[in-house]
Amino acid sequence: MNDGLALLISFGYVFGILALAEGIRRWRRYGVEFTRKIIHIGVGMWVFGTIALFQRWQMAVIPPLAFVVLNYLSYRFNLLKAMETGGKGSLGTVYFPISFAALIALFWGQPALLAASLMPMTWGDAMGATIGQKWGRRKVGLNGRSLEGSAAVFVFSLVSVALALAILGDMGAAQALGIGALVAAAATAVELVSPWGLDNLTVPAVSALVLWLLLR
């Protein structure tokens, strides 16, 4: 596909996710923390669309870099209600596309590694926060994180990493699950000790490092 068309599709997809989250927030009166997770997962999964549509990584990084700026403006001025809590001090929505762009630039020629590196942040972090906030009772780590939430981070990271490796890496189930378990353990550990927001940098960075070492 032409990279210009891929850019249009990418921006259309992300703005569509934002519109969907805002529509759900207004229709169902869900809290912002819930709609943030819809955006988190929806945008993270676009790594597969990025890999499929773009020819050059230099063009593929344009959408996430653009959203570094847009998300910062939203953070400062509370523009996107479905994404902003109104509280200041956490730049997680800005760090997310920075990680996305950095991994594209580093691992463009290795699609399985690129996609798998983003899965713990996309699914593990999002579901860990959701489950931890609803059912978390035993507090561990920083910022009130819970044992139940951390268990969810591990499980969803393992499954999503293994699926990404099996689909894009032409890897057997046993090997994909074994690698997924190691990556999930590292991602869970670093998520436990990362301040709020910074996990959107540390989790994908550590996941990418572990995957790179295992897949060399």
N, C-alpha and C. Protein backbone atom coordinates (compact mmCIF):
# COMPACT_ATOMS: atom_id res chain seq x y z
N MET A 1 0.84 -1.20 0.00
CA MET A 1 0.00 0.00 0.00
C MET A 1 0.87 1.24 0.00
N ASN A 2 0.40 2.29 -0.65
CA ASN A 2 1.07 3.58 -0.63
C ASN A 2 1.10 4.12 0.80
N ASP A 3 2.28 4.64 1.23
CA ASP A 3 2.42 5.12 2.60
C ASP A 3 1.51 6.31 2.90
N GLY A 4 1.20 7.12 1.88
CA GLY A 4 0.28 8.23 2.10
C GLY A 4 -1.10 7.74 2.49
N LEU A 5 -1.59 6.72 1.82
CA LEU A 5 -2.88 6.14 2.16
C LEU A 5 -2.82 5.48 3.54
N ALA A 6 -1.70 4.82 3.84
CA ALA A 6 -1.53 4.21 5.15
C ALA A 6 -1.61 5.25 6.26
N LEU A 7 -1.04 6.43 6.02
CA LEU A 7 -1.13 7.52 7.00
C LEU A 7 -2.58 7.93 7.24
N LEU A 8 -3.34 8.09 6.16
CA LEU A 8 -4.74 8.48 6.30
C LEU A 8 -5.53 7.43 7.09
N ILE A 9 -5.29 6.17 6.77
CA ILE A 9 -5.99 5.10 7.48
C ILE A 9 -5.60 5.10 8.96
N SER A 10 -4.31 5.30 9.25
CA SER A 10 -3.83 5.30 10.63
C SER A 10 -4.48 6.39 11.45
N PHE A 11 -4.47 7.62 10.92
CA PHE A 11 -5.10 8.72 11.66
C PHE A 11 -6.60 8.50 11.79
N GLY A 12 -7.23 7.98 10.72
CA GLY A 12 -8.66 7.71 10.79
C GLY A 12 -8.98 6.67 11.85
N TYR A 13 -8.16 5.64 11.94
CA TYR A 13 -8.37 4.58 12.93
C TYR A 13 -8.28 5.15 14.35
N VAL A 14 -7.20 5.88 14.63
CA VAL A 14 -7.00 6.39 15.99
C VAL A 14 -8.09 7.38 16.37
N PHE A 15 -8.43 8.30 15.46
CA PHE A 15 -9.51 9.23 15.77
C PHE A 15 -10.84 8.51 15.93
N GLY A 16 -11.01 7.40 15.20
CA GLY A 16 -12.21 6.59 15.38
C GLY A 16 -12.27 5.96 16.77
N ILE A 17 -11.13 5.48 17.26
CA ILE A 17 -11.07 4.92 18.62
C ILE A 17 -11.39 5.99 19.65
N LEU A 18 -10.83 7.19 19.45
CA LEU A 18 -11.12 8.29 20.38
C LEU A 18 -12.61 8.65 20.38
N ALA A 19 -13.19 8.69 19.19
CA ALA A 19 -14.61 9.02 19.08
C ALA A 19 -15.47 7.94 19.74
N LEU A 20 -15.10 6.67 19.53
CA LEU A 20 -15.83 5.56 20.15
C LEU A 20 -15.78 5.67 21.67
N ALA A 21 -14.59 5.92 22.21
CA ALA A 21 -14.45 6.02 23.66
C ALA A 21 -15.26 7.18 24.22
N GLU A 22 -15.23 8.32 23.53
CA GLU A 22 -16.00 9.47 23.98
C GLU A 22 -17.50 9.20 23.89
N GLY A 23 -17.92 8.50 22.83
CA GLY A 23 -19.33 8.14 22.70
C GLY A 23 -19.78 7.23 23.83
N ILE A 24 -18.96 6.25 24.18
CA ILE A 24 -19.29 5.33 25.28
C ILE A 24 -19.34 6.09 26.60
N ARG A 25 -18.40 7.01 26.78
CA ARG A 25 -18.37 7.79 28.03
C ARG A 25 -19.67 8.58 28.21
N ARG A 26 -20.14 9.20 27.13
CA ARG A 26 -21.35 10.01 27.23
C ARG A 26 -22.61 9.16 27.31
N TRP A 27 -22.61 8.05 26.54
CA TRP A 27 -23.81 7.21 26.47
C TRP A 27 -24.03 6.41 27.75
N ARG A 28 -22.96 5.75 28.21
CA ARG A 28 -23.09 4.86 29.35
C ARG A 28 -22.66 5.49 30.67
N ARG A 29 -22.13 6.71 30.60
CA ARG A 29 -21.66 7.42 31.79
C ARG A 29 -20.53 6.67 32.50
N TYR A 30 -19.73 5.94 31.70
CA TYR A 30 -18.59 5.25 32.28
C TYR A 30 -17.53 6.27 32.69
N GLY A 31 -16.74 5.89 33.70
CA GLY A 31 -15.67 6.76 34.15
C GLY A 31 -14.54 6.84 33.14
N VAL A 32 -13.73 7.88 33.30
CA VAL A 32 -12.64 8.10 32.37
C VAL A 32 -11.62 6.97 32.42
N GLU A 33 -11.41 6.38 33.59
CA GLU A 33 -10.43 5.30 33.68
C GLU A 33 -10.82 4.13 32.76
N PHE A 34 -12.13 3.89 32.62
CA PHE A 34 -12.58 2.82 31.73
C PHE A 34 -12.34 3.19 30.27
N THR A 35 -12.74 4.40 29.89
CA THR A 35 -12.58 4.78 28.49
C THR A 35 -11.11 4.95 28.11
N ARG A 36 -10.27 5.32 29.06
CA ARG A 36 -8.82 5.37 28.79
C ARG A 36 -8.30 4.01 28.37
N LYS A 37 -8.83 2.96 28.99
CA LYS A 37 -8.36 1.60 28.66
C LYS A 37 -8.83 1.17 27.27
N ILE A 38 -10.02 1.60 26.86
CA ILE A 38 -10.46 1.33 25.49
C ILE A 38 -9.48 1.95 24.50
N ILE A 39 -9.11 3.20 24.76
CA ILE A 39 -8.15 3.89 23.89
C ILE A 39 -6.80 3.20 23.94
N HIS A 40 -6.36 2.85 25.14
CA HIS A 40 -5.07 2.20 25.35
C HIS A 40 -4.94 0.93 24.52
N ILE A 41 -5.94 0.07 24.63
CA ILE A 41 -5.90 -1.21 23.92
C ILE A 41 -6.09 -0.99 22.42
N GLY A 42 -7.06 -0.16 22.06
CA GLY A 42 -7.34 0.07 20.64
C GLY A 42 -6.14 0.62 19.89
N VAL A 43 -5.47 1.61 20.49
CA VAL A 43 -4.31 2.21 19.83
C VAL A 43 -3.13 1.25 19.83
N GLY A 44 -2.91 0.54 20.93
CA GLY A 44 -1.81 -0.42 20.96
C GLY A 44 -1.93 -1.51 19.92
N MET A 45 -3.16 -1.96 19.67
CA MET A 45 -3.36 -3.03 18.69
C MET A 45 -3.13 -2.55 17.26
N TRP A 46 -3.04 -1.22 17.08
CA TRP A 46 -2.78 -0.72 15.73
C TRP A 46 -1.36 -1.04 15.27
N VAL A 47 -0.54 -1.60 16.13
CA VAL A 47 0.79 -2.03 15.69
C VAL A 47 0.66 -3.05 14.55
N PHE A 48 -0.38 -3.87 14.59
CA PHE A 48 -0.58 -4.85 13.51
C PHE A 48 -0.96 -4.16 12.21
N GLY A 49 -1.80 -3.13 12.30
CA GLY A 49 -2.13 -2.35 11.12
C GLY A 49 -0.92 -1.61 10.58
N THR A 50 -0.09 -1.10 11.47
CA THR A 50 1.14 -0.40 11.07
C THR A 50 2.05 -1.33 10.29
N ILE A 51 2.25 -2.52 10.81
CA ILE A 51 3.12 -3.50 10.14
C ILE A 51 2.55 -3.89 8.78
N ALA A 52 1.23 -4.05 8.71
CA ALA A 52 0.60 -4.52 7.48
C ALA A 52 0.57 -3.46 6.38
N LEU A 53 0.41 -2.19 6.76
CA LEU A 53 0.13 -1.16 5.77
C LEU A 53 1.33 -0.35 5.30
N PHE A 54 2.26 -0.08 6.19
CA PHE A 54 3.35 0.82 5.84
C PHE A 54 4.50 0.09 5.16
N GLN A 55 5.14 0.80 4.24
CA GLN A 55 6.32 0.28 3.56
C GLN A 55 7.62 0.73 4.24
N ARG A 56 7.62 1.96 4.78
CA ARG A 56 8.84 2.52 5.36
C ARG A 56 8.59 2.93 6.81
N TRP A 57 9.56 2.64 7.66
CA TRP A 57 9.39 3.00 9.07
C TRP A 57 9.38 4.51 9.27
N GLN A 58 10.06 5.23 8.39
CA GLN A 58 10.09 6.69 8.52
C GLN A 58 8.69 7.29 8.40
N MET A 59 7.83 6.65 7.62
CA MET A 59 6.45 7.10 7.51
C MET A 59 5.60 6.52 8.64
N ALA A 60 5.91 5.31 9.07
CA ALA A 60 5.13 4.65 10.11
C ALA A 60 5.22 5.36 11.46
N VAL A 61 6.32 6.07 11.70
CA VAL A 61 6.45 6.76 13.00
C VAL A 61 5.69 8.09 13.03
N ILE A 62 5.23 8.57 11.89
CA ILE A 62 4.56 9.88 11.88
C ILE A 62 3.30 9.91 12.76
N PRO A 63 2.38 8.93 12.66
CA PRO A 63 1.19 9.00 13.52
C PRO A 63 1.52 9.00 15.02
N PRO A 64 2.34 8.07 15.53
CA PRO A 64 2.61 8.15 16.97
C PRO A 64 3.31 9.43 17.39
N LEU A 65 4.23 9.94 16.57
CA LEU A 65 4.90 11.19 16.92
C LEU A 65 3.92 12.36 16.92
N ALA A 66 2.97 12.34 15.99
CA ALA A 66 1.95 13.39 15.98
C ALA A 66 1.11 13.34 17.25
N PHE A 67 0.83 12.12 17.73
CA PHE A 67 0.01 12.01 18.94
C PHE A 67 0.79 12.29 20.21
N VAL A 68 2.12 12.30 20.15
CA VAL A 68 2.88 12.81 21.29
C VAL A 68 2.48 14.27 21.53
N VAL A 69 2.42 15.03 20.46
CA VAL A 69 2.06 16.45 20.55
C VAL A 69 0.59 16.61 20.92
N LEU A 70 -0.29 15.91 20.20
CA LEU A 70 -1.72 16.04 20.45
C LEU A 70 -2.10 15.61 21.86
N ASN A 71 -1.49 14.51 22.33
CA ASN A 71 -1.81 14.03 23.68
C ASN A 71 -1.29 14.98 24.75
N TYR A 72 -0.15 15.61 24.47
CA TYR A 72 0.35 16.59 25.45
C TYR A 72 -0.59 17.79 25.53
N LEU A 73 -1.07 18.25 24.38
CA LEU A 73 -2.01 19.36 24.38
C LEU A 73 -3.30 18.97 25.11
N SER A 74 -3.75 17.74 24.89
CA SER A 74 -4.95 17.27 25.59
C SER A 74 -4.71 17.21 27.09
N TYR A 75 -3.53 16.75 27.48
CA TYR A 75 -3.16 16.68 28.90
C TYR A 75 -3.16 18.07 29.54
N ARG A 76 -2.60 19.05 28.83
CA ARG A 76 -2.49 20.41 29.38
C ARG A 76 -3.85 21.10 29.45
N PHE A 77 -4.68 20.88 28.44
CA PHE A 77 -5.92 21.65 28.34
C PHE A 77 -7.18 20.80 28.48
N ASN A 78 -7.00 19.51 28.84
CA ASN A 78 -8.13 18.63 29.07
C ASN A 78 -9.08 18.60 27.87
N LEU A 79 -8.52 18.37 26.68
CA LEU A 79 -9.29 18.44 25.45
C LEU A 79 -10.11 17.19 25.19
N LEU A 80 -9.51 16.01 25.42
CA LEU A 80 -10.18 14.74 25.12
C LEU A 80 -10.71 14.15 26.42
N LYS A 81 -11.98 14.36 26.67
CA LYS A 81 -12.56 14.00 27.96
C LYS A 81 -12.48 12.50 28.24
N ALA A 82 -12.53 11.67 27.19
CA ALA A 82 -12.50 10.22 27.39
C ALA A 82 -11.11 9.72 27.78
N MET A 83 -10.11 10.60 27.67
CA MET A 83 -8.73 10.17 27.90
C MET A 83 -8.10 10.84 29.10
N GLU A 84 -8.63 11.96 29.55
CA GLU A 84 -7.99 12.75 30.60
C GLU A 84 -8.78 12.66 31.90
N THR A 85 -8.06 12.41 32.98
CA THR A 85 -8.69 12.34 34.30
C THR A 85 -8.88 13.72 34.90
N GLY A 86 -8.19 14.71 34.35
CA GLY A 86 -8.25 16.04 34.93
C GLY A 86 -7.15 16.28 35.94
N GLY A 87 -6.52 15.18 36.42
CA GLY A 87 -5.40 15.32 37.35
C GLY A 87 -4.10 15.51 36.60
N LYS A 88 -3.18 16.22 37.22
CA LYS A 88 -1.89 16.47 36.60
C LYS A 88 -0.81 15.67 37.32
N GLY A 89 0.28 15.45 36.64
CA GLY A 89 1.39 14.74 37.26
C GLY A 89 1.76 13.47 36.55
N SER A 90 0.86 12.91 35.73
CA SER A 90 1.15 11.69 34.98
C SER A 90 1.05 11.96 33.49
N LEU A 91 2.15 11.72 32.80
CA LEU A 91 2.19 11.94 31.35
C LEU A 91 2.11 10.61 30.59
N GLY A 92 1.39 9.66 31.16
CA GLY A 92 1.30 8.34 30.55
C GLY A 92 0.78 8.36 29.12
N THR A 93 -0.21 9.24 28.85
CA THR A 93 -0.76 9.30 27.49
C THR A 93 0.23 9.88 26.49
N VAL A 94 1.23 10.61 26.98
CA VAL A 94 2.29 11.13 26.11
C VAL A 94 3.38 10.09 25.92
N TYR A 95 3.70 9.36 27.00
CA TYR A 95 4.76 8.36 26.91
C TYR A 95 4.37 7.19 26.01
N PHE A 96 3.07 6.86 25.99
CA PHE A 96 2.61 5.73 25.17
C PHE A 96 3.04 5.87 23.71
N PRO A 97 2.70 6.96 22.99
CA PRO A 97 3.13 7.06 21.59
C PRO A 97 4.64 7.23 21.42
N ILE A 98 5.34 7.75 22.44
CA ILE A 98 6.80 7.79 22.36
C ILE A 98 7.35 6.38 22.27
N SER A 99 6.85 5.50 23.13
CA SER A 99 7.28 4.09 23.10
C SER A 99 6.95 3.45 21.76
N PHE A 100 5.74 3.72 21.27
CA PHE A 100 5.29 3.16 20.00
C PHE A 100 6.25 3.57 18.88
N ALA A 101 6.56 4.85 18.80
CA ALA A 101 7.44 5.35 17.74
C ALA A 101 8.85 4.79 17.87
N ALA A 102 9.38 4.73 19.10
CA ALA A 102 10.74 4.23 19.32
C ALA A 102 10.87 2.77 18.90
N LEU A 103 9.86 1.96 19.23
CA LEU A 103 9.92 0.54 18.87
C LEU A 103 9.79 0.34 17.36
N ILE A 104 8.99 1.16 16.71
CA ILE A 104 8.91 1.09 15.24
C ILE A 104 10.28 1.36 14.63
N ALA A 105 10.94 2.41 15.10
CA ALA A 105 12.25 2.78 14.55
C ALA A 105 13.30 1.70 14.82
N LEU A 106 13.24 1.07 15.98
CA LEU A 106 14.27 0.10 16.35
C LEU A 106 14.06 -1.27 15.70
N PHE A 107 12.81 -1.68 15.56
CA PHE A 107 12.53 -3.07 15.19
C PHE A 107 11.66 -3.21 13.94
N TRP A 108 11.76 -2.24 13.04
CA TRP A 108 10.90 -2.27 11.86
C TRP A 108 11.10 -3.53 11.03
N GLY A 109 12.31 -4.02 10.93
CA GLY A 109 12.55 -5.22 10.13
C GLY A 109 12.24 -6.52 10.85
N GLN A 110 11.75 -6.44 12.08
CA GLN A 110 11.43 -7.63 12.88
C GLN A 110 9.99 -7.51 13.41
N PRO A 111 9.02 -7.77 12.57
CA PRO A 111 7.62 -7.51 12.94
C PRO A 111 7.15 -8.27 14.18
N ALA A 112 7.60 -9.51 14.36
CA ALA A 112 7.17 -10.26 15.54
C ALA A 112 7.68 -9.61 16.82
N LEU A 113 8.94 -9.18 16.80
CA LEU A 113 9.52 -8.53 17.96
C LEU A 113 8.84 -7.19 18.23
N LEU A 114 8.58 -6.43 17.18
CA LEU A 114 7.92 -5.14 17.32
C LEU A 114 6.54 -5.28 17.95
N ALA A 115 5.71 -6.15 17.39
CA ALA A 115 4.36 -6.31 17.91
C ALA A 115 4.36 -6.88 19.33
N ALA A 116 5.19 -7.90 19.55
CA ALA A 116 5.21 -8.54 20.87
C ALA A 116 5.71 -7.58 21.95
N SER A 117 6.61 -6.69 21.60
CA SER A 117 7.14 -5.73 22.58
C SER A 117 6.05 -4.80 23.11
N LEU A 118 5.05 -4.50 22.28
CA LEU A 118 3.99 -3.58 22.67
C LEU A 118 2.83 -4.27 23.40
N MET A 119 2.77 -5.59 23.35
CA MET A 119 1.63 -6.28 23.94
C MET A 119 1.52 -6.16 25.45
N PRO A 120 2.63 -6.25 26.22
CA PRO A 120 2.47 -6.09 27.68
C PRO A 120 1.94 -4.71 28.06
N MET A 121 2.33 -3.68 27.32
CA MET A 121 1.80 -2.35 27.58
C MET A 121 0.34 -2.26 27.13
N THR A 122 0.03 -2.86 25.98
CA THR A 122 -1.31 -2.76 25.41
C THR A 122 -2.33 -3.53 26.23
N TRP A 123 -2.06 -4.80 26.50
CA TRP A 123 -3.03 -5.65 27.19
C TRP A 123 -2.70 -5.83 28.67
N GLY A 124 -1.45 -6.12 28.99
CA GLY A 124 -1.10 -6.37 30.38
C GLY A 124 -1.35 -5.17 31.27
N ASP A 125 -0.82 -4.02 30.88
CA ASP A 125 -0.97 -2.81 31.68
C ASP A 125 -2.43 -2.38 31.78
N ALA A 126 -3.14 -2.41 30.66
CA ALA A 126 -4.54 -1.97 30.66
C ALA A 126 -5.42 -2.87 31.51
N MET A 127 -5.29 -4.18 31.33
CA MET A 127 -6.14 -5.11 32.07
C MET A 127 -5.72 -5.21 33.53
N GLY A 128 -4.42 -5.06 33.79
CA GLY A 128 -3.96 -5.06 35.17
C GLY A 128 -4.57 -3.91 35.95
N ALA A 129 -4.60 -2.72 35.34
CA ALA A 129 -5.19 -1.57 36.01
C ALA A 129 -6.70 -1.76 36.21
N THR A 130 -7.37 -2.27 35.19
CA THR A 130 -8.83 -2.46 35.28
C THR A 130 -9.19 -3.46 36.36
N ILE A 131 -8.53 -4.62 36.35
CA ILE A 131 -8.83 -5.66 37.34
C ILE A 131 -8.37 -5.25 38.73
N GLY A 132 -7.20 -4.61 38.80
CA GLY A 132 -6.70 -4.17 40.09
C GLY A 132 -7.61 -3.15 40.76
N GLN A 133 -8.16 -2.22 39.98
CA GLN A 133 -9.04 -1.20 40.54
C GLN A 133 -10.36 -1.79 41.02
N LYS A 134 -10.83 -2.83 40.34
CA LYS A 134 -12.14 -3.41 40.69
C LYS A 134 -12.03 -4.48 41.78
N TRP A 135 -11.01 -5.34 41.67
CA TRP A 135 -10.93 -6.47 42.59
C TRP A 135 -9.66 -6.51 43.44
N GLY A 136 -8.77 -5.55 43.24
CA GLY A 136 -7.51 -5.57 43.98
C GLY A 136 -7.72 -5.36 45.47
N ARG A 137 -7.16 -6.26 46.28
CA ARG A 137 -7.30 -6.17 47.74
C ARG A 137 -5.93 -6.14 48.42
N ARG A 138 -4.99 -6.94 47.92
CA ARG A 138 -3.68 -7.04 48.57
C ARG A 138 -2.70 -6.11 47.85
N LYS A 139 -2.26 -5.08 48.54
CA LYS A 139 -1.44 -4.05 47.92
C LYS A 139 0.03 -4.47 47.88
N VAL A 140 0.63 -4.28 46.72
CA VAL A 140 2.05 -4.55 46.53
C VAL A 140 2.61 -3.48 45.60
N GLY A 141 3.91 -3.30 45.58
CA GLY A 141 4.53 -2.39 44.63
C GLY A 141 4.22 -0.94 44.93
N LEU A 142 4.43 -0.08 43.92
CA LEU A 142 4.24 1.35 44.07
C LEU A 142 2.83 1.78 43.69
N ASN A 143 2.46 2.97 44.18
CA ASN A 143 1.21 3.62 43.80
C ASN A 143 -0.03 2.77 44.05
N GLY A 144 0.00 1.95 45.10
CA GLY A 144 -1.18 1.19 45.47
C GLY A 144 -1.51 0.03 44.56
N ARG A 145 -0.57 -0.41 43.75
CA ARG A 145 -0.85 -1.56 42.88
C ARG A 145 -1.15 -2.79 43.73
N SER A 146 -1.95 -3.70 43.16
CA SER A 146 -2.41 -4.86 43.92
C SER A 146 -1.85 -6.15 43.35
N LEU A 147 -1.87 -7.18 44.20
CA LEU A 147 -1.44 -8.50 43.76
C LEU A 147 -2.35 -9.02 42.65
N GLU A 148 -3.64 -8.75 42.78
CA GLU A 148 -4.60 -9.21 41.76
C GLU A 148 -4.35 -8.50 40.42
N GLY A 149 -4.08 -7.21 40.48
CA GLY A 149 -3.78 -6.47 39.26
C GLY A 149 -2.50 -6.95 38.61
N SER A 150 -1.48 -7.22 39.43
CA SER A 150 -0.21 -7.70 38.88
C SER A 150 -0.36 -9.09 38.26
N ALA A 151 -1.20 -9.92 38.86
CA ALA A 151 -1.47 -11.24 38.26
C ALA A 151 -2.11 -11.08 36.90
N ALA A 152 -3.01 -10.11 36.78
CA ALA A 152 -3.65 -9.84 35.48
C ALA A 152 -2.63 -9.32 34.47
N VAL A 153 -1.71 -8.46 34.91
CA VAL A 153 -0.65 -7.99 34.02
C VAL A 153 0.12 -9.18 33.45
N PHE A 154 0.48 -10.12 34.33
CA PHE A 154 1.25 -11.29 33.89
C PHE A 154 0.46 -12.15 32.90
N VAL A 155 -0.78 -12.47 33.23
CA VAL A 155 -1.57 -13.37 32.39
C VAL A 155 -1.84 -12.76 31.02
N PHE A 156 -2.30 -11.51 30.99
CA PHE A 156 -2.64 -10.89 29.71
C PHE A 156 -1.38 -10.59 28.89
N SER A 157 -0.26 -10.29 29.56
CA SER A 157 1.00 -10.10 28.83
C SER A 157 1.45 -11.41 28.20
N LEU A 158 1.40 -12.48 28.98
CA LEU A 158 1.83 -13.79 28.47
C LEU A 158 1.03 -14.18 27.23
N VAL A 159 -0.29 -14.12 27.34
CA VAL A 159 -1.15 -14.56 26.24
C VAL A 159 -0.95 -13.68 25.01
N SER A 160 -0.93 -12.37 25.19
CA SER A 160 -0.82 -11.46 24.04
C SER A 160 0.55 -11.55 23.37
N VAL A 161 1.61 -11.67 24.16
CA VAL A 161 2.95 -11.83 23.58
C VAL A 161 3.04 -13.14 22.81
N ALA A 162 2.55 -14.22 23.41
CA ALA A 162 2.61 -15.52 22.74
C ALA A 162 1.83 -15.52 21.43
N LEU A 163 0.67 -14.89 21.42
CA LEU A 163 -0.12 -14.82 20.18
C LEU A 163 0.60 -14.01 19.11
N ALA A 164 1.20 -12.88 19.51
CA ALA A 164 1.93 -12.06 18.54
C ALA A 164 3.10 -12.84 17.94
N LEU A 165 3.83 -13.58 18.78
CA LEU A 165 4.96 -14.36 18.29
C LEU A 165 4.50 -15.50 17.39
N ALA A 166 3.40 -16.15 17.77
CA ALA A 166 2.91 -17.27 16.97
C ALA A 166 2.39 -16.80 15.61
N ILE A 167 1.73 -15.64 15.59
CA ILE A 167 1.14 -15.14 14.35
C ILE A 167 2.19 -14.56 13.42
N LEU A 168 3.06 -13.71 13.96
CA LEU A 168 4.02 -13.00 13.12
C LEU A 168 5.40 -13.66 13.07
N GLY A 169 5.69 -14.50 14.04
CA GLY A 169 7.02 -15.10 14.10
C GLY A 169 7.07 -16.52 13.61
N ASP A 170 5.93 -17.05 13.14
CA ASP A 170 5.88 -18.43 12.65
C ASP A 170 6.51 -19.37 13.68
N MET A 171 6.05 -19.27 14.92
CA MET A 171 6.64 -19.98 16.04
C MET A 171 5.65 -20.97 16.61
N GLY A 172 6.14 -22.11 17.07
CA GLY A 172 5.28 -23.10 17.69
C GLY A 172 4.68 -22.60 18.99
N ALA A 173 3.58 -23.21 19.40
CA ALA A 173 2.86 -22.76 20.58
C ALA A 173 3.70 -22.86 21.85
N ALA A 174 4.43 -23.97 22.01
CA ALA A 174 5.22 -24.17 23.23
C ALA A 174 6.32 -23.12 23.34
N GLN A 175 7.02 -22.86 22.25
CA GLN A 175 8.08 -21.87 22.27
C GLN A 175 7.52 -20.47 22.50
N ALA A 176 6.41 -20.14 21.83
CA ALA A 176 5.79 -18.82 22.00
C ALA A 176 5.34 -18.62 23.44
N LEU A 177 4.76 -19.64 24.05
CA LEU A 177 4.31 -19.52 25.43
C LEU A 177 5.49 -19.40 26.40
N GLY A 178 6.56 -20.14 26.12
CA GLY A 178 7.74 -20.06 26.99
C GLY A 178 8.35 -18.67 26.96
N ILE A 179 8.52 -18.13 25.76
CA ILE A 179 9.06 -16.77 25.64
C ILE A 179 8.09 -15.76 26.23
N GLY A 180 6.79 -15.97 25.96
CA GLY A 180 5.78 -15.07 26.51
C GLY A 180 5.80 -15.02 28.02
N ALA A 181 6.04 -16.16 28.67
CA ALA A 181 6.09 -16.21 30.13
C ALA A 181 7.27 -15.40 30.68
N LEU A 182 8.42 -15.51 30.03
CA LEU A 182 9.60 -14.76 30.47
C LEU A 182 9.39 -13.25 30.29
N VAL A 183 8.84 -12.88 29.15
CA VAL A 183 8.58 -11.46 28.89
C VAL A 183 7.53 -10.94 29.87
N ALA A 184 6.49 -11.72 30.10
CA ALA A 184 5.43 -11.31 31.02
C ALA A 184 5.96 -11.13 32.44
N ALA A 185 6.85 -12.02 32.87
CA ALA A 185 7.43 -11.90 34.21
C ALA A 185 8.24 -10.61 34.34
N ALA A 186 9.05 -10.30 33.31
CA ALA A 186 9.84 -9.08 33.35
C ALA A 186 8.95 -7.84 33.32
N ALA A 187 7.93 -7.86 32.46
CA ALA A 187 7.02 -6.71 32.36
C ALA A 187 6.26 -6.49 33.66
N THR A 188 5.81 -7.57 34.29
CA THR A 188 5.08 -7.45 35.55
C THR A 188 5.96 -6.87 36.65
N ALA A 189 7.21 -7.33 36.70
CA ALA A 189 8.14 -6.85 37.73
C ALA A 189 8.41 -5.37 37.57
N VAL A 190 8.68 -4.93 36.33
CA VAL A 190 8.99 -3.50 36.13
C VAL A 190 7.76 -2.64 36.31
N GLU A 191 6.58 -3.17 35.97
CA GLU A 191 5.34 -2.41 36.16
C GLU A 191 5.07 -2.17 37.64
N LEU A 192 5.45 -3.13 38.48
CA LEU A 192 5.23 -3.01 39.91
C LEU A 192 6.01 -1.85 40.53
N VAL A 193 7.19 -1.59 39.99
CA VAL A 193 8.06 -0.59 40.62
C VAL A 193 8.12 0.72 39.83
N SER A 194 7.32 0.83 38.78
CA SER A 194 7.32 2.06 37.97
C SER A 194 6.25 3.02 38.48
N PRO A 195 6.59 4.30 38.66
CA PRO A 195 5.56 5.29 39.03
C PRO A 195 4.50 5.36 37.95
N TRP A 196 3.29 5.82 38.32
CA TRP A 196 2.19 5.94 37.35
C TRP A 196 2.63 6.76 36.15
N GLY A 197 2.30 6.27 34.99
CA GLY A 197 2.65 6.97 33.76
C GLY A 197 3.96 6.49 33.18
N LEU A 198 5.00 6.39 34.01
CA LEU A 198 6.30 5.95 33.50
C LEU A 198 6.30 4.50 33.04
N ASP A 199 5.33 3.71 33.50
CA ASP A 199 5.26 2.33 33.04
C ASP A 199 5.00 2.25 31.54
N ASN A 200 4.45 3.31 30.95
CA ASN A 200 4.26 3.32 29.50
C ASN A 200 5.57 3.47 28.75
N LEU A 201 6.63 3.80 29.46
CA LEU A 201 7.99 3.77 28.89
C LEU A 201 8.74 2.53 29.32
N THR A 202 8.68 2.21 30.62
CA THR A 202 9.52 1.13 31.15
C THR A 202 9.04 -0.26 30.72
N VAL A 203 7.73 -0.48 30.70
CA VAL A 203 7.22 -1.81 30.35
C VAL A 203 7.57 -2.19 28.91
N PRO A 204 7.29 -1.35 27.90
CA PRO A 204 7.70 -1.74 26.54
C PRO A 204 9.21 -1.81 26.36
N ALA A 205 9.96 -0.96 27.07
CA ALA A 205 11.42 -0.99 26.94
C ALA A 205 11.98 -2.32 27.46
N VAL A 206 11.54 -2.73 28.64
CA VAL A 206 12.03 -3.99 29.21
C VAL A 206 11.52 -5.17 28.40
N SER A 207 10.27 -5.12 27.95
CA SER A 207 9.73 -6.21 27.12
C SER A 207 10.54 -6.36 25.84
N ALA A 208 10.87 -5.25 25.21
CA ALA A 208 11.65 -5.28 23.97
C ALA A 208 13.05 -5.84 24.22
N LEU A 209 13.67 -5.44 25.33
CA LEU A 209 15.02 -5.93 25.65
C LEU A 209 15.02 -7.43 25.86
N VAL A 210 14.06 -7.92 26.64
CA VAL A 210 14.00 -9.37 26.90
C VAL A 210 13.74 -10.13 25.59
N LEU A 211 12.82 -9.64 24.79
CA LEU A 211 12.52 -10.30 23.51
C LEU A 211 13.75 -10.29 22.59
N TRP A 212 14.43 -9.16 22.53
CA TRP A 212 15.62 -9.07 21.68
C TRP A 212 16.68 -10.07 22.12
N LEU A 213 16.88 -10.21 23.42
CA LEU A 213 17.87 -11.16 23.91
C LEU A 213 17.46 -12.60 23.61
N LEU A 214 16.17 -12.90 23.74
CA LEU A 214 15.69 -14.26 23.52
C LEU A 214 15.61 -14.65 22.06
N LEU A 215 15.39 -13.66 21.17
CA LEU A 215 15.19 -13.96 19.75
C LEU A 215 16.42 -13.70 18.90
N ARG A 216 17.53 -13.33 19.51
CA ARG A 216 18.75 -13.07 18.74
C ARG A 216 19.17 -14.29 17.95
